[in-house]
Amino acid sequence: MHTKNEYIGVFDSGLGGISVLKELVKVMPRERYLYFGDSANAPYGNRTTEQIRALTLSAADMLLSRGCKALVIACNTATAAAITALRCAYPDTVIVGIEPALKVAADNFPQGNIGVMATALTLREEKFHQQLERFPGLQVSAIRAPGLVELVEQGLHNTPQAETLLEPVLSPYRGRLDAVVLGCTHYPFAKKAIGKLLGEKTVLLDGGAGTARETLRRLTNADLLYDGPGEIQMENSSPDPALIARAMALLEEDQ
């Protein structure tokens, strides 16, 4: 049995899931959070589905052994690869996985031209294609941005280097898209560069707020909401001490 004062475990392949942690803290500021980034094995987008599933299940085992009442998979790639296996392994635990914000895009632009920026694995997984089938009116362009995850991990997402990386990727879409779904939790940290290159006409959407609301709903239904003073604990699989400091800086950063 889980108790109210246990952690909400938040997992990502690295630092990107802090964009989701921000949203969780907004709606549940009194909860205790244990964030685990697997930067030692990042980026996940270059790995096979089987590798990502194994890494995600291993992280989930660790987090739940530490006393987590819920698990938020704050990584689109890990959700696509492992969410079904996680729910089978832990049927009595609240498990929420982030997904690309296609529904938000469809609600706002039902016949729109939508870009989805995501890792190659997220875009090829069956889960993503099942989502697309729910919104047949959307004209969807899949946009890959190799190297952007690594720039966020290095704290270089608001630099000219990010614009240089993204310019050839995004310039063909400038002024052509109603919205772009940021389908990787690292990408919201590069919103300034992405928005500048796409132009003001294009709305940027991500699934962080929806994931936080779903976690709140699930914990409320399970009577597991905590009314404590609030706590955030950061951990990472990489031995680099700079990553924890970078994680805390991202948590405080305005997006």
Protein backbone atom coordinates (compact mmCIF):
# COMPACT_ATOMS: atom_id res chain seq x y z
CA MET A 1 0.00 0.00 0.00
CA HIS A 2 1.24 3.45 -0.89
CA THR A 3 1.05 6.36 1.54
CA LYS A 4 0.43 10.05 0.91
CA ASN A 5 3.84 11.23 2.10
CA GLU A 6 5.80 9.05 -0.34
CA TYR A 7 7.60 10.62 -3.28
CA ILE A 8 6.27 11.23 -6.75
CA GLY A 9 9.04 9.72 -8.85
CA VAL A 10 9.83 11.65 -12.04
CA PHE A 11 11.99 9.93 -14.63
CA ASP A 12 13.69 11.19 -17.79
CA SER A 13 16.59 10.14 -19.98
CA GLY A 14 18.41 13.21 -18.66
CA LEU A 15 17.46 16.78 -17.78
CA GLY A 16 14.55 17.30 -20.18
CA GLY A 17 11.93 15.98 -17.78
CA ILE A 18 12.53 19.01 -15.58
CA SER A 19 10.18 20.81 -17.99
CA VAL A 20 7.50 18.39 -16.74
CA LEU A 21 8.63 18.66 -13.11
CA LYS A 22 8.04 22.43 -13.35
CA GLU A 23 4.40 21.78 -14.32
CA LEU A 24 3.95 19.18 -11.59
CA VAL A 25 5.19 21.62 -8.94
CA LYS A 26 2.81 24.30 -10.26
CA VAL A 27 -0.27 22.14 -9.67
CA MET A 28 1.00 20.17 -6.63
CA PRO A 29 3.50 22.41 -4.79
CA ARG A 30 3.19 20.52 -1.50
CA GLU A 31 4.24 17.13 -2.83
CA ARG A 32 7.61 15.42 -2.39
CA TYR A 33 9.40 14.80 -5.69
CA LEU A 34 12.30 12.49 -6.47
CA TYR A 35 13.67 13.31 -9.92
CA PHE A 36 15.99 10.83 -11.60
CA GLY A 37 17.75 11.67 -14.86
CA ASP A 38 19.59 8.94 -16.74
CA SER A 39 22.14 11.25 -18.37
CA ALA A 40 24.78 8.49 -18.31
CA ASN A 41 22.76 6.68 -20.99
CA ALA A 42 21.35 9.70 -22.85
CA PRO A 43 20.22 10.39 -25.47
CA TYR A 44 17.56 7.68 -25.59
CA GLY A 45 16.41 8.68 -29.08
CA ASN A 46 19.43 6.92 -30.63
CA ARG A 47 18.78 3.62 -28.84
CA THR A 48 16.63 0.61 -29.75
CA THR A 49 13.17 0.14 -28.28
CA GLU A 50 14.42 -2.86 -26.31
CA GLN A 51 17.31 -0.89 -24.79
CA ILE A 52 15.05 1.99 -23.77
CA ARG A 53 12.49 -0.36 -22.26
CA ALA A 54 15.19 -2.08 -20.18
CA LEU A 55 16.66 1.25 -18.99
CA THR A 56 13.21 2.61 -18.11
CA LEU A 57 12.17 -0.51 -16.20
CA SER A 58 15.46 -0.46 -14.29
CA ALA A 59 14.93 3.19 -13.31
CA ALA A 60 11.34 2.46 -12.29
CA ASP A 61 12.48 -0.43 -10.08
CA MET A 62 14.95 1.89 -8.36
CA LEU A 63 12.47 4.73 -7.85
CA LEU A 64 9.73 2.50 -6.52
CA SER A 65 12.17 0.75 -4.16
CA ARG A 66 12.94 4.21 -2.73
CA GLY A 67 9.32 4.73 -1.74
CA CYS A 68 7.44 6.37 -4.61
CA LYS A 69 3.63 6.38 -4.59
CA ALA A 70 3.49 7.38 -8.26
CA LEU A 71 5.78 7.38 -11.27
CA VAL A 72 5.76 10.06 -13.97
CA ILE A 73 7.63 9.10 -17.13
CA ALA A 74 8.70 12.60 -18.19
CA CYS A 75 10.31 11.38 -21.40
CA ASN A 76 8.35 10.92 -24.63
CA THR A 77 10.78 8.32 -25.94
CA ALA A 78 10.62 6.23 -22.75
CA THR A 79 6.83 6.51 -22.67
CA ALA A 80 6.56 5.29 -26.26
CA ALA A 81 8.90 2.36 -25.61
CA ALA A 82 7.98 1.25 -22.09
CA ILE A 83 4.69 2.58 -20.68
CA THR A 84 2.74 -0.62 -21.42
CA ALA A 85 5.42 -2.79 -19.83
CA LEU A 86 5.54 -0.52 -16.77
CA ARG A 87 1.79 -0.69 -16.22
CA CYS A 88 1.88 -4.48 -16.50
CA ALA A 89 4.77 -4.68 -14.03
CA TYR A 90 3.20 -2.30 -11.49
CA PRO A 91 -0.60 -2.53 -11.84
CA ASP A 92 -1.24 -1.07 -8.37
CA THR A 93 0.89 2.07 -8.84
CA VAL A 94 -0.14 5.37 -10.44
CA ILE A 95 1.97 5.56 -13.61
CA VAL A 96 1.60 8.53 -15.97
CA GLY A 97 3.55 8.89 -19.19
CA ILE A 98 3.94 12.06 -21.22
CA GLU A 99 2.74 12.01 -24.81
CA PRO A 100 3.03 14.52 -27.66
CA ALA A 101 0.31 17.19 -27.31
CA LEU A 102 -1.51 16.21 -30.50
CA LYS A 103 -4.94 16.51 -28.89
CA VAL A 104 -4.21 20.10 -27.87
CA ALA A 105 -3.11 20.81 -31.45
CA ALA A 106 -6.24 19.17 -32.87
CA ASP A 107 -8.54 21.05 -30.47
CA ASN A 108 -7.03 24.40 -31.45
CA PHE A 109 -6.35 23.69 -35.14
CA PRO A 110 -8.71 20.87 -36.19
CA GLN A 111 -7.72 21.07 -39.88
CA GLY A 112 -4.32 22.59 -39.21
CA ASN A 113 -0.80 22.13 -40.46
CA ILE A 114 1.06 20.77 -37.46
CA GLY A 115 4.72 19.97 -36.96
CA VAL A 116 5.83 17.36 -34.45
CA MET A 117 9.40 17.74 -33.24
CA ALA A 118 10.50 14.49 -31.63
CA THR A 119 13.17 11.82 -31.55
CA ALA A 120 13.31 9.25 -34.32
CA LEU A 121 12.14 6.53 -31.93
CA THR A 122 9.08 8.48 -30.74
CA LEU A 123 8.09 9.17 -34.34
CA ARG A 124 8.41 5.56 -35.44
CA GLU A 125 6.71 3.88 -32.46
CA GLU A 126 3.23 2.43 -32.95
CA LYS A 127 1.90 4.51 -30.03
CA PHE A 128 2.57 7.74 -31.94
CA HIS A 129 0.89 6.45 -35.10
CA GLN A 130 -2.14 5.37 -33.07
CA GLN A 131 -2.37 8.94 -31.76
CA LEU A 132 -2.20 10.34 -35.28
CA GLU A 133 -5.10 8.13 -36.37
CA ARG A 134 -7.33 9.80 -33.74
CA PHE A 135 -6.93 13.17 -35.49
CA PRO A 136 -7.35 12.54 -39.23
CA GLY A 137 -7.95 16.24 -39.99
CA LEU A 138 -4.41 17.24 -39.06
CA GLN A 139 -1.71 17.63 -41.69
CA VAL A 140 1.34 16.48 -39.75
CA SER A 141 5.01 17.04 -40.57
CA ALA A 142 7.51 14.98 -38.59
CA ILE A 143 10.55 17.09 -37.65
CA ARG A 144 13.72 15.56 -36.25
CA ALA A 145 16.29 17.74 -34.50
CA PRO A 146 19.41 15.62 -33.92
CA GLY A 147 21.76 17.14 -31.38
CA LEU A 148 19.23 19.33 -29.56
CA VAL A 149 18.94 16.99 -26.57
CA GLU A 150 22.70 17.09 -26.14
CA LEU A 151 22.72 20.92 -26.20
CA VAL A 152 20.10 21.05 -23.43
CA GLU A 153 22.10 18.54 -21.40
CA GLN A 154 25.12 20.85 -21.76
CA GLY A 155 23.13 23.97 -20.83
CA LEU A 156 23.58 25.48 -24.32
CA HIS A 157 19.92 25.70 -25.35
CA ASN A 158 19.71 29.52 -25.21
CA THR A 159 22.86 30.15 -27.23
CA PRO A 160 23.67 30.97 -30.88
CA GLN A 161 24.83 27.36 -31.11
CA ALA A 162 21.22 26.18 -30.70
CA GLU A 163 20.01 28.49 -33.46
CA THR A 164 22.81 27.29 -35.74
CA LEU A 165 21.80 23.67 -35.10
CA LEU A 166 18.08 24.32 -35.63
CA GLU A 167 18.18 26.74 -38.56
CA PRO A 168 18.48 24.11 -41.34
CA VAL A 169 15.92 21.90 -39.56
CA LEU A 170 13.24 24.57 -39.07
CA SER A 171 13.74 27.11 -41.87
CA PRO A 172 11.73 25.02 -44.41
CA TYR A 173 8.71 25.33 -42.07
CA ARG A 174 8.93 29.05 -41.28
CA GLY A 175 5.47 30.64 -41.68
CA ARG A 176 3.94 27.35 -42.89
CA LEU A 177 2.75 25.72 -39.66
CA ASP A 178 -0.12 26.60 -37.32
CA ALA A 179 1.56 24.85 -34.41
CA VAL A 180 4.55 22.73 -33.52
CA VAL A 181 4.20 20.02 -30.90
CA LEU A 182 7.41 19.69 -28.89
CA GLY A 183 7.43 15.91 -28.56
CA CYS A 184 10.57 15.64 -26.44
CA THR A 185 10.71 17.05 -22.93
CA HIS A 186 14.15 18.58 -23.58
CA TYR A 187 12.77 20.78 -26.37
CA PRO A 188 10.70 23.28 -24.30
CA PHE A 189 13.98 24.62 -22.91
CA ALA A 190 14.87 25.69 -26.47
CA LYS A 191 11.53 27.45 -27.08
CA LYS A 192 13.18 30.82 -27.66
CA ALA A 193 15.35 29.53 -30.49
CA ILE A 194 12.56 27.38 -31.96
CA GLY A 195 10.03 30.23 -31.86
CA LYS A 196 12.48 32.70 -33.40
CA LEU A 197 13.19 30.38 -36.35
CA LEU A 198 9.55 29.38 -36.98
CA GLY A 199 8.08 32.87 -36.67
CA GLU A 200 5.30 34.34 -34.54
CA LYS A 201 2.50 32.65 -36.51
CA THR A 202 3.46 29.23 -35.18
CA VAL A 203 2.22 28.24 -31.71
CA LEU A 204 4.49 25.95 -29.66
CA LEU A 205 2.79 23.20 -27.66
CA ASP A 206 4.09 20.56 -25.28
CA GLY A 207 2.58 17.88 -23.07
CA GLY A 208 4.00 18.95 -19.71
CA ALA A 209 0.93 20.73 -18.32
CA GLY A 210 -1.41 17.95 -19.44
CA THR A 211 0.82 15.34 -17.81
CA ALA A 212 0.77 17.30 -14.54
CA ARG A 213 -3.04 17.60 -14.63
CA GLU A 214 -3.39 13.86 -15.28
CA THR A 215 -1.06 13.07 -12.38
CA LEU A 216 -3.11 15.34 -10.10
CA ARG A 217 -6.32 13.62 -11.24
CA ARG A 218 -4.94 10.12 -10.68
CA LEU A 219 -3.54 10.92 -7.22
CA THR A 220 -6.80 12.63 -6.23
CA ASN A 221 -8.80 9.58 -7.29
CA ALA A 222 -6.44 7.31 -5.34
CA ASP A 223 -6.67 9.59 -2.25
CA LEU A 224 -2.89 9.99 -2.29
CA LEU A 225 -2.47 13.78 -2.42
CA TYR A 226 -0.01 15.07 0.18
CA ASP A 227 -0.30 18.39 2.03
CA GLY A 228 3.28 18.65 3.21
CA PRO A 229 5.81 21.46 2.96
CA GLY A 230 7.01 20.28 -0.47
CA GLU A 231 10.40 18.84 -1.39
CA ILE A 232 12.44 18.27 -4.55
CA GLN A 233 15.32 15.80 -4.62
CA MET A 234 17.48 15.61 -7.75
CA GLU A 235 19.50 12.54 -8.71
CA ASN A 236 21.30 11.48 -11.87
CA SER A 237 22.99 8.34 -13.15
CA SER A 238 25.97 10.38 -14.36
CA PRO A 239 28.78 11.00 -11.85
CA ASP A 240 29.22 14.55 -13.19
CA PRO A 241 28.34 16.84 -10.24
CA ALA A 242 27.65 19.73 -12.63
CA LEU A 243 24.48 17.97 -13.82
CA ILE A 244 22.67 18.40 -10.49
CA ALA A 245 23.51 22.11 -10.45
CA ARG A 246 22.34 22.37 -14.07
CA ALA A 247 19.13 20.52 -13.17
CA MET A 248 18.34 23.01 -10.40
CA ALA A 249 19.12 25.92 -12.73
CA LEU A 250 16.70 24.53 -15.35
CA LEU A 251 14.02 24.19 -12.68
CA GLU A 252 14.35 27.90 -11.88
CA GLU A 253 14.70 29.07 -15.48
CA ASP A 254 11.93 31.02 -17.21
CA GLN A 255 10.86 29.37 -20.45
